[in-house]
């Protein structure tokens, strides 16, 4: 004996397959339209200068611990005590992992191991902050992630 629902199962399979294919197409379209920047535009230049950066970081680590902390209106830089009384000059670079279009840099110039820098940072956004500077004829570099 055949009931009224015996002929509906092929239609059910077709509907389920159509929904599955539609979701797959939507997922692929969404995944490929999402912008993902895995490397910087100047990747090869950065690769060449990487060894110099490591030397600068090693030089700074030999003097002590440096920190960058986020404040309400920017960042607070704390260098080791060895920089007391020395003129610091260089650049502070803000990298946004979420959107490279938000990246910016600021020139810095101050005396001593501590300085507050005013910068408009988007709230609740993670930033990689890098300080590349010179003091007493030596170059230094360090980078921290702030929230």
Protein backbone atom coordinates (compact mmCIF):
# COMPACT_ATOMS: atom_id res chain seq x y z
CA UNK A 1 0.00 0.00 0.00
CA UNK A 2 1.22 3.39 -0.93
CA UNK A 3 0.34 6.52 1.03
CA UNK A 4 0.11 10.16 -0.09
CA UNK A 5 3.66 10.98 1.16
CA UNK A 6 5.40 8.30 -0.88
CA UNK A 7 5.97 10.59 -3.86
CA UNK A 8 7.13 13.61 -1.76
CA UNK A 9 10.54 12.25 -0.73
CA UNK A 10 12.27 13.02 -4.08
CA UNK A 11 11.12 16.63 -3.77
CA UNK A 12 12.52 16.74 -0.21
CA UNK A 13 15.91 15.53 -1.40
CA UNK A 14 15.98 18.15 -4.17
CA UNK A 15 15.07 20.92 -1.68
CA UNK A 16 17.75 19.82 0.81
CA UNK A 17 20.38 19.65 -1.96
CA UNK A 18 19.38 23.10 -3.25
CA UNK A 19 19.65 24.57 0.27
CA UNK A 20 23.03 22.92 0.81
CA UNK A 21 24.38 24.22 -2.51
CA UNK A 22 23.00 27.69 -1.77
CA UNK A 23 24.71 27.78 1.64
CA UNK A 24 27.96 26.54 0.10
CA UNK A 25 27.88 29.24 -2.59
CA UNK A 26 27.09 31.90 0.05
CA UNK A 27 29.98 30.71 2.26
CA UNK A 28 32.49 30.67 -0.62
CA UNK A 29 31.37 34.13 -1.78
CA UNK A 30 31.66 35.52 1.77
CA UNK A 31 35.06 33.91 2.35
CA UNK A 32 36.55 35.21 -0.89
CA UNK A 33 35.12 38.71 -0.54
CA UNK A 34 36.65 39.15 2.94
CA UNK A 35 39.87 41.16 2.85
CA UNK A 36 42.81 39.42 4.52
CA UNK A 37 46.20 41.11 4.45
CA UNK A 38 48.81 38.60 5.52
CA UNK A 39 51.87 40.63 4.58
CA UNK A 40 52.75 44.29 4.37
CA UNK A 41 53.00 46.00 0.98
CA UNK A 42 56.72 46.54 1.55
CA UNK A 43 57.37 42.92 2.58
CA UNK A 44 60.71 42.49 0.78
CA UNK A 45 62.11 45.76 2.14
CA UNK A 46 61.14 44.71 5.67
CA UNK A 47 62.79 41.33 5.14
CA UNK A 48 66.08 43.04 4.23
CA UNK A 49 66.01 45.28 7.29
CA UNK A 50 64.95 42.54 9.71
CA UNK A 51 68.50 41.73 10.85
CA UNK A 52 69.10 45.42 11.61
CA UNK A 53 65.89 45.48 13.64
CA UNK A 54 67.04 42.48 15.69
CA UNK A 55 70.31 44.28 16.47
CA UNK A 56 68.37 47.35 17.62
CA UNK A 57 66.09 45.21 19.83
CA UNK A 58 69.08 43.38 21.33
CA UNK A 59 70.78 46.72 22.05
CA UNK A 60 67.66 47.98 23.85
CA UNK A 61 67.18 44.74 25.82
CA UNK A 62 70.76 45.06 27.09
CA UNK A 63 69.80 48.36 28.79
CA UNK A 64 66.67 47.00 30.49
CA UNK A 65 62.94 46.50 29.99
CA UNK A 66 60.90 48.92 27.86
CA UNK A 67 57.10 49.16 27.83
CA UNK A 68 54.31 50.85 25.92
CA UNK A 69 50.89 51.05 27.58
CA UNK A 70 47.64 52.42 26.22
CA UNK A 71 46.12 55.46 27.93
CA UNK A 72 42.78 57.21 27.49
CA UNK A 73 44.19 59.59 24.88
CA UNK A 74 47.17 57.73 23.41
CA UNK A 75 50.10 55.72 24.74
CA UNK A 76 52.62 55.92 27.57
CA UNK A 77 56.23 55.01 26.73
CA UNK A 78 58.50 53.76 29.51
CA UNK A 79 62.15 53.21 28.52
CA UNK A 80 64.86 51.76 30.79
CA UNK A 81 66.46 54.06 33.37
CA UNK A 82 69.65 54.10 31.25
CA UNK A 83 67.92 56.71 29.03
CA UNK A 84 67.53 59.26 31.85
CA UNK A 85 68.64 62.68 30.63
CA UNK A 86 69.18 61.50 27.04
CA UNK A 87 67.44 63.06 24.05
CA UNK A 88 65.19 60.53 22.32
CA UNK A 89 64.20 61.07 18.69
CA UNK A 90 62.52 58.80 16.20
CA UNK A 91 59.12 57.58 15.08
CA UNK A 92 56.23 55.80 16.72
CA UNK A 93 54.30 53.56 14.30
CA UNK A 94 50.79 52.27 14.97
CA UNK A 95 49.80 49.11 13.06
CA UNK A 96 46.19 47.96 13.00
CA UNK A 97 45.92 44.20 12.44
CA UNK A 98 42.22 44.64 11.60
CA UNK A 99 42.60 47.28 8.92
CA UNK A 100 45.93 48.38 7.42
CA UNK A 101 44.24 51.57 6.21
CA UNK A 102 44.18 52.69 9.88
CA UNK A 103 48.00 52.47 10.20
CA UNK A 104 49.78 55.73 10.99
CA UNK A 105 53.03 57.04 12.42
CA UNK A 106 54.04 59.97 14.60
CA UNK A 107 57.42 61.62 15.03
CA UNK A 108 58.66 61.58 18.62
CA UNK A 109 61.21 63.74 20.37
CA UNK A 110 61.63 63.88 24.13
CA UNK A 111 64.23 63.81 26.91
CA UNK A 112 64.34 61.05 29.49
CA UNK A 113 62.99 57.55 29.79
CA UNK A 114 59.29 58.36 30.01
CA UNK A 115 56.80 60.11 27.73
CA UNK A 116 53.07 60.25 27.04
CA UNK A 117 52.15 60.46 23.36
CA UNK A 118 48.72 61.75 22.34
CA UNK A 119 47.20 59.66 19.54
CA UNK A 120 43.62 58.98 18.53
CA UNK A 121 43.23 55.22 18.77
CA UNK A 122 39.94 53.49 18.08
CA UNK A 123 38.51 52.14 21.33
CA UNK A 124 38.61 48.38 21.94
CA UNK A 125 40.89 47.88 18.93
CA UNK A 126 44.18 46.02 19.15
CA UNK A 127 47.22 47.99 17.95
CA UNK A 128 50.82 46.96 17.39
CA UNK A 129 52.90 49.94 18.45
CA UNK A 130 56.54 50.12 17.36
CA UNK A 131 59.08 52.69 18.52
CA UNK A 132 62.14 53.12 16.31
CA UNK A 133 64.41 55.71 17.92
CA UNK A 134 67.91 57.06 18.40
CA UNK A 135 69.56 58.14 21.65
CA UNK A 136 73.17 59.17 22.21
CA UNK A 137 74.20 58.07 18.71
CA UNK A 138 72.77 54.54 19.04
CA UNK A 139 69.62 53.23 17.38
CA UNK A 140 66.98 51.16 19.19
CA UNK A 141 63.68 49.46 18.39
CA UNK A 142 60.87 47.78 20.25
CA UNK A 143 57.30 46.77 19.55
CA UNK A 144 54.37 45.94 21.80
CA UNK A 145 50.72 45.07 21.31
CA UNK A 146 48.27 47.30 23.18
CA UNK A 147 44.52 46.92 23.64
